[in-house]
N, C-alpha and C. Protein backbone atom coordinates (compact mmCIF):
# COMPACT_ATOMS: atom_id res chain seq x y z
N UNK A 1 1.94 6.05 -17.05
CA UNK A 1 2.46 6.37 -15.72
C UNK A 1 2.47 5.11 -14.88
N UNK A 2 3.63 4.64 -14.54
CA UNK A 2 3.76 3.43 -13.73
C UNK A 2 5.10 3.47 -13.02
N UNK A 3 5.12 3.07 -11.77
CA UNK A 3 6.38 3.07 -11.04
C UNK A 3 7.18 1.82 -11.40
N UNK A 4 8.48 1.90 -11.23
CA UNK A 4 9.34 0.76 -11.52
C UNK A 4 9.01 -0.37 -10.55
N UNK A 5 8.94 -1.59 -11.08
CA UNK A 5 8.59 -2.72 -10.23
C UNK A 5 9.62 -2.93 -9.13
N UNK A 6 10.89 -2.92 -9.51
CA UNK A 6 11.94 -3.13 -8.53
C UNK A 6 13.02 -2.05 -8.67
N UNK A 7 13.20 -1.26 -7.65
CA UNK A 7 14.32 -0.32 -7.63
C UNK A 7 15.59 -1.13 -7.37
N UNK A 8 16.75 -0.52 -7.61
CA UNK A 8 18.02 -1.21 -7.38
C UNK A 8 18.13 -1.65 -5.93
N UNK A 9 17.75 -0.76 -5.01
CA UNK A 9 17.81 -1.09 -3.59
C UNK A 9 16.91 -2.27 -3.25
N UNK A 10 15.71 -2.27 -3.85
CA UNK A 10 14.75 -3.35 -3.58
C UNK A 10 15.29 -4.69 -4.11
N UNK A 11 15.91 -4.65 -5.30
CA UNK A 11 16.49 -5.87 -5.88
C UNK A 11 17.57 -6.44 -4.98
N UNK A 12 18.45 -5.56 -4.50
CA UNK A 12 19.56 -6.01 -3.64
C UNK A 12 19.02 -6.63 -2.36
N UNK A 13 18.05 -5.96 -1.73
CA UNK A 13 17.48 -6.48 -0.49
C UNK A 13 16.77 -7.82 -0.72
N UNK A 14 16.08 -7.94 -1.85
CA UNK A 14 15.38 -9.18 -2.16
C UNK A 14 16.36 -10.32 -2.36
N UNK A 15 17.45 -10.06 -3.09
CA UNK A 15 18.47 -11.09 -3.33
C UNK A 15 19.12 -11.52 -2.02
N UNK A 16 19.44 -10.53 -1.17
CA UNK A 16 20.06 -10.84 0.13
C UNK A 16 19.12 -11.69 0.98
N UNK A 17 17.84 -11.31 1.02
CA UNK A 17 16.86 -12.05 1.82
C UNK A 17 16.71 -13.49 1.33
N UNK A 18 16.69 -13.67 0.01
CA UNK A 18 16.56 -15.02 -0.56
C UNK A 18 17.79 -15.87 -0.23
N UNK A 19 18.99 -15.26 -0.34
CA UNK A 19 20.23 -15.99 -0.03
C UNK A 19 20.26 -16.42 1.43
N UNK A 20 19.87 -15.51 2.32
CA UNK A 20 19.84 -15.84 3.75
C UNK A 20 18.85 -16.97 4.01
N UNK A 21 17.70 -16.91 3.34
CA UNK A 21 16.68 -17.95 3.50
C UNK A 21 17.22 -19.31 3.05
N UNK A 22 17.92 -19.34 1.92
CA UNK A 22 18.48 -20.59 1.40
C UNK A 22 19.54 -21.15 2.36
N UNK A 23 20.42 -20.27 2.84
CA UNK A 23 21.48 -20.71 3.77
C UNK A 23 20.86 -21.24 5.06
N UNK A 24 19.86 -20.52 5.56
CA UNK A 24 19.19 -20.93 6.80
C UNK A 24 18.49 -22.27 6.62
N UNK A 25 17.87 -22.47 5.46
CA UNK A 25 17.20 -23.74 5.17
C UNK A 25 18.22 -24.88 5.11
N UNK A 26 19.37 -24.61 4.51
CA UNK A 26 20.41 -25.63 4.41
C UNK A 26 20.91 -26.03 5.79
N UNK A 27 21.09 -25.03 6.66
CA UNK A 27 21.54 -25.32 8.02
C UNK A 27 20.50 -26.13 8.79
N UNK A 28 19.23 -25.76 8.57
CA UNK A 28 18.17 -26.47 9.28
C UNK A 28 18.03 -27.90 8.77
N UNK A 29 18.30 -28.11 7.48
CA UNK A 29 18.26 -29.46 6.92
C UNK A 29 19.29 -30.36 7.60
N UNK A 30 20.45 -29.79 7.92
CA UNK A 30 21.49 -30.55 8.62
C UNK A 30 21.02 -30.90 10.03
N UNK A 31 20.38 -29.93 10.69
CA UNK A 31 19.87 -30.16 12.05
C UNK A 31 18.83 -31.28 12.06
N UNK A 32 17.98 -31.32 11.02
CA UNK A 32 16.93 -32.33 10.96
C UNK A 32 17.50 -33.75 10.86
N UNK A 33 18.71 -33.86 10.36
CA UNK A 33 19.34 -35.19 10.27
C UNK A 33 19.89 -35.65 11.62
N UNK A 34 19.91 -34.71 12.58
CA UNK A 34 20.43 -35.04 13.91
C UNK A 34 19.45 -34.55 14.98
N UNK A 35 18.22 -34.97 14.85
CA UNK A 35 17.15 -34.50 15.73
C UNK A 35 17.46 -34.66 17.21
N UNK A 36 18.05 -35.77 17.57
CA UNK A 36 18.29 -36.06 18.99
C UNK A 36 19.32 -35.12 19.62
N UNK A 37 20.12 -34.48 18.81
CA UNK A 37 21.20 -33.64 19.33
C UNK A 37 20.76 -32.21 19.66
N UNK A 38 19.53 -31.85 19.28
CA UNK A 38 19.10 -30.47 19.47
C UNK A 38 17.76 -30.41 20.22
N UNK A 39 17.62 -29.39 21.06
CA UNK A 39 16.38 -29.22 21.82
C UNK A 39 15.31 -28.56 20.96
N UNK A 40 14.08 -28.55 21.47
CA UNK A 40 12.97 -27.96 20.73
C UNK A 40 13.16 -26.45 20.55
N UNK A 41 13.92 -25.84 21.46
CA UNK A 41 14.15 -24.39 21.36
C UNK A 41 14.93 -24.05 20.09
N UNK A 42 15.90 -24.88 19.77
CA UNK A 42 16.69 -24.66 18.55
C UNK A 42 15.79 -24.74 17.32
N UNK A 43 14.93 -25.76 17.30
CA UNK A 43 14.00 -25.92 16.17
C UNK A 43 13.05 -24.72 16.08
N UNK A 44 12.56 -24.29 17.23
CA UNK A 44 11.63 -23.15 17.27
C UNK A 44 12.30 -21.89 16.72
N UNK A 45 13.54 -21.64 17.14
CA UNK A 45 14.27 -20.45 16.68
C UNK A 45 14.50 -20.49 15.17
N UNK A 46 14.89 -21.65 14.66
CA UNK A 46 15.13 -21.77 13.22
C UNK A 46 13.85 -21.54 12.43
N UNK A 47 12.75 -22.15 12.88
CA UNK A 47 11.48 -22.00 12.17
C UNK A 47 10.98 -20.56 12.23
N UNK A 48 11.18 -19.90 13.37
CA UNK A 48 10.75 -18.50 13.50
C UNK A 48 11.48 -17.61 12.50
N UNK A 49 12.80 -17.80 12.41
CA UNK A 49 13.60 -17.01 11.47
C UNK A 49 13.16 -17.28 10.03
N UNK A 50 12.89 -18.54 9.70
CA UNK A 50 12.46 -18.89 8.35
C UNK A 50 11.13 -18.23 7.99
N UNK A 51 10.21 -18.21 8.95
CA UNK A 51 8.91 -17.57 8.71
C UNK A 51 9.07 -16.07 8.51
N UNK A 52 9.88 -15.44 9.37
CA UNK A 52 10.11 -13.99 9.26
C UNK A 52 10.75 -13.66 7.92
N UNK A 53 11.75 -14.44 7.52
CA UNK A 53 12.40 -14.21 6.22
C UNK A 53 11.40 -14.38 5.08
N UNK A 54 10.49 -15.34 5.23
CA UNK A 54 9.47 -15.55 4.21
C UNK A 54 8.59 -14.33 4.04
N UNK A 55 8.19 -13.72 5.16
CA UNK A 55 7.38 -12.50 5.11
C UNK A 55 8.15 -11.35 4.47
N UNK A 56 9.44 -11.23 4.80
CA UNK A 56 10.28 -10.16 4.23
C UNK A 56 10.39 -10.32 2.72
N UNK A 57 10.62 -11.56 2.26
CA UNK A 57 10.73 -11.82 0.82
C UNK A 57 9.42 -11.50 0.11
N UNK A 58 8.31 -11.89 0.74
CA UNK A 58 6.99 -11.61 0.15
C UNK A 58 6.77 -10.10 0.03
N UNK A 59 7.15 -9.36 1.07
CA UNK A 59 6.99 -7.90 1.06
C UNK A 59 7.83 -7.26 -0.04
N UNK A 60 9.07 -7.73 -0.18
CA UNK A 60 9.97 -7.15 -1.18
C UNK A 60 9.56 -7.53 -2.60
N UNK A 61 8.94 -8.71 -2.75
CA UNK A 61 8.57 -9.19 -4.08
C UNK A 61 7.35 -8.45 -4.63
N UNK A 62 6.40 -8.09 -3.75
CA UNK A 62 5.19 -7.39 -4.18
C UNK A 62 5.50 -5.91 -4.32
N UNK A 63 5.38 -5.32 -5.51
CA UNK A 63 5.67 -3.89 -5.70
C UNK A 63 4.77 -3.03 -4.83
N UNK A 64 5.33 -1.93 -4.33
CA UNK A 64 4.58 -1.03 -3.46
C UNK A 64 3.35 -0.47 -4.16
N UNK A 65 3.45 -0.25 -5.46
CA UNK A 65 2.34 0.34 -6.20
C UNK A 65 1.12 -0.58 -6.26
N UNK A 66 1.32 -1.87 -5.97
CA UNK A 66 0.22 -2.85 -6.01
C UNK A 66 -0.40 -3.11 -4.65
N UNK A 67 0.02 -2.36 -3.65
CA UNK A 67 -0.35 -2.65 -2.26
C UNK A 67 -1.86 -2.81 -2.06
N UNK A 68 -2.66 -2.00 -2.73
CA UNK A 68 -4.11 -2.03 -2.53
C UNK A 68 -4.80 -3.09 -3.38
N UNK A 69 -4.29 -3.34 -4.58
CA UNK A 69 -5.02 -4.20 -5.54
C UNK A 69 -4.31 -5.51 -5.85
N UNK A 70 -3.32 -5.88 -5.05
CA UNK A 70 -2.51 -7.07 -5.37
C UNK A 70 -3.31 -8.37 -5.38
N UNK A 71 -4.47 -8.39 -4.70
CA UNK A 71 -5.28 -9.61 -4.67
C UNK A 71 -6.20 -9.71 -5.89
N UNK A 72 -6.22 -8.66 -6.73
CA UNK A 72 -7.14 -8.65 -7.87
C UNK A 72 -6.43 -8.64 -9.22
N UNK A 73 -5.26 -8.00 -9.30
CA UNK A 73 -4.54 -7.96 -10.57
C UNK A 73 -3.04 -8.12 -10.34
N UNK A 74 -2.34 -8.49 -11.40
CA UNK A 74 -0.89 -8.63 -11.34
C UNK A 74 -0.24 -7.31 -11.75
N UNK A 75 1.06 -7.24 -11.55
CA UNK A 75 1.79 -6.03 -11.94
C UNK A 75 1.70 -5.81 -13.45
N UNK A 76 1.78 -6.90 -14.21
CA UNK A 76 1.70 -6.79 -15.67
C UNK A 76 0.34 -6.24 -16.10
N UNK A 77 -0.73 -6.71 -15.44
CA UNK A 77 -2.07 -6.21 -15.75
C UNK A 77 -2.19 -4.73 -15.41
N UNK A 78 -1.58 -4.34 -14.29
CA UNK A 78 -1.61 -2.93 -13.90
C UNK A 78 -0.92 -2.07 -14.95
N UNK A 79 0.21 -2.55 -15.45
CA UNK A 79 0.92 -1.82 -16.51
C UNK A 79 0.03 -1.62 -17.73
N UNK A 80 -0.68 -2.67 -18.12
CA UNK A 80 -1.56 -2.59 -19.29
C UNK A 80 -2.68 -1.58 -19.06
N UNK A 81 -3.26 -1.60 -17.86
CA UNK A 81 -4.35 -0.67 -17.54
C UNK A 81 -3.85 0.77 -17.60
N UNK A 82 -2.66 1.00 -17.05
CA UNK A 82 -2.14 2.37 -16.96
C UNK A 82 -1.82 2.98 -18.32
N UNK A 83 -1.64 2.13 -19.34
CA UNK A 83 -1.36 2.65 -20.68
C UNK A 83 -2.52 3.49 -21.22
N UNK A 84 -3.73 3.16 -20.78
CA UNK A 84 -4.92 3.85 -21.29
C UNK A 84 -5.44 4.94 -20.34
N UNK A 85 -4.76 5.10 -19.20
CA UNK A 85 -5.21 6.10 -18.23
C UNK A 85 -4.43 7.41 -18.42
N UNK A 86 -5.14 8.51 -18.47
CA UNK A 86 -4.50 9.82 -18.60
C UNK A 86 -4.59 10.54 -17.26
N UNK A 87 -3.44 10.79 -16.66
CA UNK A 87 -3.38 11.38 -15.33
C UNK A 87 -3.10 12.87 -15.37
N UNK A 88 -3.60 13.56 -14.36
CA UNK A 88 -3.19 14.95 -14.15
C UNK A 88 -2.80 15.11 -12.68
N UNK A 89 -1.80 15.91 -12.46
CA UNK A 89 -1.27 16.11 -11.12
C UNK A 89 -2.13 17.12 -10.36
N UNK A 90 -2.48 16.79 -9.12
CA UNK A 90 -3.27 17.70 -8.30
C UNK A 90 -2.35 18.77 -7.70
N UNK A 91 -2.89 19.96 -7.54
CA UNK A 91 -2.10 21.06 -6.97
C UNK A 91 -2.68 21.48 -5.63
N UNK A 92 -1.78 21.89 -4.73
CA UNK A 92 -2.19 22.30 -3.39
C UNK A 92 -1.46 23.60 -3.04
N UNK A 93 -2.21 24.63 -2.74
CA UNK A 93 -1.61 25.93 -2.42
C UNK A 93 -1.31 25.99 -0.93
N UNK A 94 -0.22 25.34 -0.54
CA UNK A 94 0.16 25.30 0.86
C UNK A 94 1.29 26.29 1.12
N UNK A 95 1.15 27.06 2.19
CA UNK A 95 2.17 28.06 2.52
C UNK A 95 3.24 27.49 3.45
N UNK A 96 2.93 26.38 4.10
CA UNK A 96 3.88 25.75 5.02
C UNK A 96 4.51 24.53 4.34
N UNK A 97 5.53 23.97 5.00
CA UNK A 97 6.19 22.79 4.46
C UNK A 97 5.27 21.57 4.51
N UNK A 98 5.38 20.73 3.50
CA UNK A 98 4.61 19.49 3.47
C UNK A 98 5.46 18.41 2.81
N UNK A 99 5.29 17.18 3.28
CA UNK A 99 6.01 16.06 2.67
C UNK A 99 5.00 15.10 2.06
N UNK A 100 5.11 14.88 0.76
CA UNK A 100 4.26 13.92 0.07
C UNK A 100 5.16 12.81 -0.48
N UNK A 101 4.91 11.54 -0.13
CA UNK A 101 5.74 10.44 -0.63
C UNK A 101 5.82 10.42 -2.16
N UNK A 102 4.77 10.91 -2.80
CA UNK A 102 4.75 11.00 -4.26
C UNK A 102 3.75 12.08 -4.65
N UNK A 103 3.80 12.51 -5.90
CA UNK A 103 2.75 13.41 -6.39
C UNK A 103 1.41 12.71 -6.26
N UNK A 104 0.37 13.49 -6.04
CA UNK A 104 -0.98 12.93 -6.02
C UNK A 104 -1.60 13.21 -7.38
N UNK A 105 -1.91 12.14 -8.11
CA UNK A 105 -2.40 12.27 -9.48
C UNK A 105 -3.74 11.56 -9.63
N UNK A 106 -4.49 12.00 -10.62
CA UNK A 106 -5.84 11.49 -10.80
C UNK A 106 -6.12 11.23 -12.28
N UNK A 107 -6.81 10.12 -12.54
CA UNK A 107 -7.32 9.85 -13.89
C UNK A 107 -8.82 9.59 -13.75
N UNK A 108 -9.45 9.17 -14.81
CA UNK A 108 -10.90 8.94 -14.77
C UNK A 108 -11.27 7.86 -13.77
N UNK A 109 -10.48 6.79 -13.71
CA UNK A 109 -10.83 5.65 -12.87
C UNK A 109 -9.87 5.42 -11.70
N UNK A 110 -8.68 6.02 -11.75
CA UNK A 110 -7.65 5.71 -10.77
C UNK A 110 -7.09 6.95 -10.09
N UNK A 111 -6.54 6.72 -8.90
CA UNK A 111 -5.78 7.75 -8.19
C UNK A 111 -4.41 7.17 -7.89
N UNK A 112 -3.40 8.03 -7.93
CA UNK A 112 -2.04 7.61 -7.56
C UNK A 112 -1.60 8.49 -6.40
N UNK A 113 -1.42 7.91 -5.24
CA UNK A 113 -1.03 8.67 -4.06
C UNK A 113 -0.24 7.78 -3.11
N UNK A 114 0.74 8.37 -2.45
CA UNK A 114 1.57 7.57 -1.56
C UNK A 114 2.30 6.46 -2.27
N UNK A 115 2.62 6.66 -3.57
CA UNK A 115 3.31 5.67 -4.41
C UNK A 115 2.45 4.44 -4.70
N UNK A 116 1.14 4.56 -4.50
CA UNK A 116 0.24 3.41 -4.66
C UNK A 116 -0.88 3.75 -5.63
N UNK A 117 -1.23 2.80 -6.50
CA UNK A 117 -2.36 2.97 -7.41
C UNK A 117 -3.63 2.49 -6.72
N UNK A 118 -4.66 3.34 -6.72
CA UNK A 118 -5.91 3.02 -6.05
C UNK A 118 -7.08 3.35 -6.98
N UNK A 119 -7.93 2.37 -7.31
CA UNK A 119 -9.13 2.70 -8.07
C UNK A 119 -9.96 3.72 -7.29
N UNK A 120 -10.44 4.75 -7.95
CA UNK A 120 -11.15 5.81 -7.24
C UNK A 120 -12.37 5.30 -6.49
N UNK A 121 -13.04 4.28 -7.05
CA UNK A 121 -14.22 3.74 -6.38
C UNK A 121 -13.89 2.98 -5.10
N UNK A 122 -12.61 2.67 -4.91
CA UNK A 122 -12.20 1.96 -3.70
C UNK A 122 -11.92 2.91 -2.54
N UNK A 123 -11.82 4.20 -2.84
CA UNK A 123 -11.55 5.18 -1.78
C UNK A 123 -12.80 5.38 -0.94
N UNK A 124 -12.67 5.23 0.37
CA UNK A 124 -13.82 5.42 1.25
C UNK A 124 -13.75 6.75 2.00
N UNK A 125 -12.60 7.04 2.59
CA UNK A 125 -12.48 8.28 3.37
C UNK A 125 -11.01 8.53 3.70
N UNK A 126 -10.76 9.67 4.34
CA UNK A 126 -9.41 10.01 4.80
C UNK A 126 -9.34 9.86 6.31
N UNK A 127 -8.13 9.68 6.81
CA UNK A 127 -7.91 9.69 8.25
C UNK A 127 -6.64 10.49 8.52
N UNK A 128 -6.52 11.00 9.73
CA UNK A 128 -5.36 11.83 10.06
C UNK A 128 -4.83 11.53 11.44
N UNK A 129 -3.52 11.61 11.57
CA UNK A 129 -2.85 11.39 12.86
C UNK A 129 -1.97 12.59 13.16
N UNK A 130 -2.16 13.19 14.32
CA UNK A 130 -1.35 14.33 14.71
C UNK A 130 0.00 13.86 15.23
N UNK A 131 1.07 14.45 14.71
CA UNK A 131 2.42 14.10 15.13
C UNK A 131 3.23 15.38 15.27
N UNK A 132 3.45 15.81 16.51
CA UNK A 132 4.12 17.08 16.79
C UNK A 132 3.40 18.21 16.07
N UNK A 133 4.09 18.85 15.12
CA UNK A 133 3.48 19.98 14.42
C UNK A 133 2.81 19.57 13.11
N UNK A 134 2.81 18.27 12.83
CA UNK A 134 2.29 17.80 11.55
C UNK A 134 1.05 16.93 11.71
N UNK A 135 0.25 16.90 10.65
CA UNK A 135 -0.85 15.95 10.55
C UNK A 135 -0.49 14.97 9.44
N UNK A 136 -0.48 13.69 9.78
CA UNK A 136 -0.17 12.65 8.79
C UNK A 136 -1.48 12.20 8.16
N UNK A 137 -1.60 12.38 6.86
CA UNK A 137 -2.82 12.03 6.14
C UNK A 137 -2.74 10.62 5.57
N UNK A 138 -3.85 9.90 5.70
CA UNK A 138 -3.98 8.56 5.13
C UNK A 138 -5.26 8.50 4.30
N UNK A 139 -5.26 7.65 3.28
CA UNK A 139 -6.49 7.37 2.54
C UNK A 139 -6.88 5.93 2.87
N UNK A 140 -8.17 5.71 3.15
CA UNK A 140 -8.67 4.38 3.47
C UNK A 140 -9.45 3.82 2.28
N UNK A 141 -9.40 2.50 2.13
CA UNK A 141 -10.05 1.86 0.99
C UNK A 141 -11.04 0.79 1.46
N UNK A 142 -11.91 0.36 0.54
CA UNK A 142 -12.97 -0.59 0.89
C UNK A 142 -12.45 -1.94 1.35
N UNK A 143 -11.20 -2.27 0.98
CA UNK A 143 -10.66 -3.57 1.39
C UNK A 143 -9.78 -3.46 2.63
N UNK A 144 -9.94 -2.38 3.38
CA UNK A 144 -9.29 -2.27 4.68
C UNK A 144 -7.86 -1.78 4.68
N UNK A 145 -7.42 -1.13 3.62
CA UNK A 145 -6.06 -0.58 3.57
C UNK A 145 -6.06 0.88 4.01
N UNK A 146 -4.95 1.29 4.60
CA UNK A 146 -4.78 2.68 5.02
C UNK A 146 -3.41 3.14 4.52
N UNK A 147 -3.41 3.97 3.48
CA UNK A 147 -2.18 4.36 2.79
C UNK A 147 -1.78 5.78 3.17
N UNK A 148 -0.56 5.93 3.62
CA UNK A 148 -0.05 7.25 3.99
C UNK A 148 0.21 8.08 2.73
N UNK A 149 -0.43 9.24 2.64
CA UNK A 149 -0.31 10.03 1.41
C UNK A 149 0.41 11.36 1.61
N UNK A 150 0.64 11.77 2.87
CA UNK A 150 1.36 13.02 3.06
C UNK A 150 1.38 13.50 4.49
N UNK A 151 2.42 14.28 4.81
CA UNK A 151 2.54 14.91 6.12
C UNK A 151 2.45 16.42 5.91
N UNK A 152 1.45 17.03 6.53
CA UNK A 152 1.20 18.45 6.33
C UNK A 152 1.20 19.15 7.68
N UNK A 153 1.80 20.33 7.75
CA UNK A 153 1.78 21.07 9.01
C UNK A 153 0.33 21.25 9.45
N UNK A 154 0.07 21.00 10.72
CA UNK A 154 -1.29 20.98 11.24
C UNK A 154 -2.06 22.26 10.91
N UNK A 155 -1.37 23.38 10.86
CA UNK A 155 -2.03 24.65 10.51
C UNK A 155 -2.63 24.60 9.11
N UNK A 156 -2.05 23.76 8.26
CA UNK A 156 -2.49 23.67 6.86
C UNK A 156 -3.42 22.48 6.62
N UNK A 157 -3.67 21.68 7.65
CA UNK A 157 -4.42 20.43 7.48
C UNK A 157 -5.80 20.66 6.87
N UNK A 158 -6.52 21.65 7.36
CA UNK A 158 -7.87 21.91 6.85
C UNK A 158 -7.82 22.33 5.38
N UNK A 159 -6.83 23.15 5.04
CA UNK A 159 -6.71 23.60 3.65
C UNK A 159 -6.38 22.43 2.72
N UNK A 160 -5.48 21.56 3.19
CA UNK A 160 -5.10 20.39 2.40
C UNK A 160 -6.29 19.46 2.21
N UNK A 161 -7.05 19.24 3.29
CA UNK A 161 -8.25 18.39 3.22
C UNK A 161 -9.26 18.98 2.25
N UNK A 162 -9.47 20.27 2.33
CA UNK A 162 -10.44 20.94 1.45
C UNK A 162 -10.03 20.80 -0.01
N UNK A 163 -8.72 20.95 -0.28
CA UNK A 163 -8.22 20.83 -1.65
C UNK A 163 -8.39 19.41 -2.17
N UNK A 164 -8.15 18.42 -1.32
CA UNK A 164 -8.33 17.02 -1.72
C UNK A 164 -9.79 16.74 -2.05
N UNK A 165 -10.69 17.21 -1.20
CA UNK A 165 -12.12 16.97 -1.41
C UNK A 165 -12.62 17.66 -2.68
N UNK A 166 -12.07 18.82 -2.96
CA UNK A 166 -12.50 19.56 -4.15
C UNK A 166 -12.07 18.83 -5.43
N UNK A 167 -10.90 18.21 -5.39
CA UNK A 167 -10.35 17.58 -6.59
C UNK A 167 -10.66 16.08 -6.69
N UNK A 168 -11.00 15.47 -5.54
CA UNK A 168 -11.38 14.05 -5.54
C UNK A 168 -12.76 13.95 -4.89
N UNK A 169 -13.83 14.01 -5.67
CA UNK A 169 -15.20 14.02 -5.14
C UNK A 169 -15.55 12.80 -4.29
N UNK A 170 -14.83 11.69 -4.48
CA UNK A 170 -15.11 10.48 -3.70
C UNK A 170 -14.85 10.69 -2.21
N UNK A 171 -14.06 11.68 -1.86
CA UNK A 171 -13.72 11.94 -0.46
C UNK A 171 -14.76 12.87 0.17
N UNK A 172 -15.40 12.40 1.24
CA UNK A 172 -16.45 13.18 1.92
C UNK A 172 -16.05 13.55 3.35
N UNK A 173 -14.85 13.21 3.77
CA UNK A 173 -14.43 13.37 5.16
C UNK A 173 -14.43 14.83 5.61
N UNK A 174 -14.97 15.07 6.80
CA UNK A 174 -14.95 16.42 7.39
C UNK A 174 -13.71 16.56 8.27
N UNK A 175 -13.32 17.80 8.63
CA UNK A 175 -12.16 17.99 9.50
C UNK A 175 -12.27 17.24 10.83
N UNK A 176 -13.47 17.18 11.39
CA UNK A 176 -13.66 16.47 12.66
C UNK A 176 -13.50 14.97 12.47
N UNK A 177 -14.07 14.45 11.40
CA UNK A 177 -14.00 13.01 11.13
C UNK A 177 -12.58 12.56 10.82
N UNK A 178 -11.77 13.48 10.29
CA UNK A 178 -10.42 13.14 9.87
C UNK A 178 -9.65 12.42 10.97
N UNK A 179 -9.62 13.01 12.15
CA UNK A 179 -8.85 12.43 13.27
C UNK A 179 -9.59 11.26 13.92
N UNK A 180 -10.91 11.30 13.87
CA UNK A 180 -11.69 10.20 14.45
C UNK A 180 -11.52 8.91 13.65
N UNK A 181 -11.25 9.05 12.35
CA UNK A 181 -11.16 7.88 11.47
C UNK A 181 -9.85 7.12 11.59
N UNK A 182 -8.82 7.76 12.14
CA UNK A 182 -7.50 7.13 12.14
C UNK A 182 -7.51 5.78 12.86
N UNK A 183 -7.00 4.76 12.17
CA UNK A 183 -6.92 3.43 12.75
C UNK A 183 -8.22 2.66 12.74
N UNK A 184 -9.31 3.28 12.27
CA UNK A 184 -10.62 2.63 12.24
C UNK A 184 -11.01 2.38 10.79
N UNK A 185 -10.31 1.45 10.16
CA UNK A 185 -10.53 1.18 8.75
C UNK A 185 -11.76 0.29 8.57
N UNK A 186 -12.64 0.68 7.68
CA UNK A 186 -13.86 -0.09 7.41
C UNK A 186 -13.61 -1.04 6.24
N UNK A 187 -14.13 -2.25 6.37
CA UNK A 187 -13.99 -3.25 5.31
C UNK A 187 -15.37 -3.59 4.76
N UNK A 188 -15.53 -3.49 3.46
CA UNK A 188 -16.80 -3.82 2.80
C UNK A 188 -16.86 -5.32 2.56
N UNK A 189 -17.79 -6.00 3.23
CA UNK A 189 -17.91 -7.45 3.10
C UNK A 189 -18.27 -7.87 1.68
N UNK A 190 -19.06 -7.05 0.98
CA UNK A 190 -19.45 -7.39 -0.39
C UNK A 190 -18.24 -7.37 -1.32
N UNK A 191 -17.26 -6.53 -1.00
CA UNK A 191 -16.06 -6.43 -1.83
C UNK A 191 -15.32 -7.76 -1.87
N UNK A 192 -15.29 -8.44 -0.74
CA UNK A 192 -14.56 -9.71 -0.65
C UNK A 192 -15.12 -10.77 -1.59
N UNK A 193 -16.41 -10.65 -1.91
CA UNK A 193 -17.07 -11.66 -2.74
C UNK A 193 -16.86 -11.45 -4.23
N UNK A 194 -16.30 -10.31 -4.61
CA UNK A 194 -16.13 -10.01 -6.03
C UNK A 194 -15.08 -10.90 -6.68
N UNK A 195 -15.40 -11.40 -7.86
CA UNK A 195 -14.40 -12.14 -8.63
C UNK A 195 -13.46 -11.12 -9.28
N UNK A 196 -12.37 -11.59 -9.83
CA UNK A 196 -11.43 -10.69 -10.50
C UNK A 196 -12.10 -9.96 -11.66
N UNK A 197 -12.94 -10.67 -12.43
CA UNK A 197 -13.61 -10.07 -13.57
C UNK A 197 -14.60 -8.99 -13.11
N UNK A 198 -15.36 -9.29 -12.06
CA UNK A 198 -16.31 -8.31 -11.53
C UNK A 198 -15.58 -7.08 -11.01
N UNK A 199 -14.46 -7.32 -10.34
CA UNK A 199 -13.68 -6.21 -9.79
C UNK A 199 -13.16 -5.31 -10.90
N UNK A 200 -12.63 -5.91 -11.96
CA UNK A 200 -12.06 -5.13 -13.06
C UNK A 200 -13.12 -4.23 -13.69
N UNK A 201 -14.34 -4.74 -13.81
CA UNK A 201 -15.39 -3.95 -14.44
C UNK A 201 -15.93 -2.88 -13.49
N UNK A 202 -16.10 -3.24 -12.22
CA UNK A 202 -16.71 -2.30 -11.28
C UNK A 202 -15.75 -1.25 -10.75
N UNK A 203 -14.49 -1.65 -10.52
CA UNK A 203 -13.54 -0.73 -9.87
C UNK A 203 -12.44 -0.21 -10.79
N UNK A 204 -11.97 -1.04 -11.72
CA UNK A 204 -10.84 -0.63 -12.55
C UNK A 204 -11.26 0.07 -13.83
N UNK A 205 -12.57 0.08 -14.12
CA UNK A 205 -13.05 0.76 -15.32
C UNK A 205 -12.82 -0.03 -16.58
N UNK A 206 -12.68 -1.36 -16.46
CA UNK A 206 -12.45 -2.20 -17.64
C UNK A 206 -13.73 -2.94 -18.00
N UNK A 207 -13.92 -3.19 -19.27
CA UNK A 207 -15.07 -3.97 -19.73
C UNK A 207 -14.56 -5.36 -20.11
N UNK A 208 -14.94 -6.35 -19.30
CA UNK A 208 -14.43 -7.71 -19.53
C UNK A 208 -15.56 -8.64 -19.95
């Protein structure tokens, strides 16, 4: 179970962004040969656009499924890990409408939710944001990420939370804490000190 690294839409956007960056760089190279003819505002505007385009290219290049673990493993490594993971889809008996960006699936060491792969040991708690008639659910991780996993009608929020806690024991969040946690992501300082090898053994379930 692994999501495609680049969808057709993502490929097109990435190519367009790279082409614009190259064209913009070429134009700026011409300006640099005539420094006296342009004010600092022109240089500032060009550099700002180049930086923004750089961030866009970086965002499009990193697959969404790697959002939580991109600093520890590559996409190829994730593919290899997923070959040995056996997932099962979680079920939720909701009577109202709900939107989930992806199925929520679980294996021995990993969870797949919101189109993102998350080692189960990295899950800290859930948070929720009320939006009109819906509660937007997020999962928080030890490295400070907050991943949107579903929009559930507020009447069903408690039932959805209860079902998640029953099927994912790592989640301890209470209904009251759910809304209090939103936007207050906790970062584990010890996590930052882990080497890639230590992380793979402790969080990814690999013996290295």
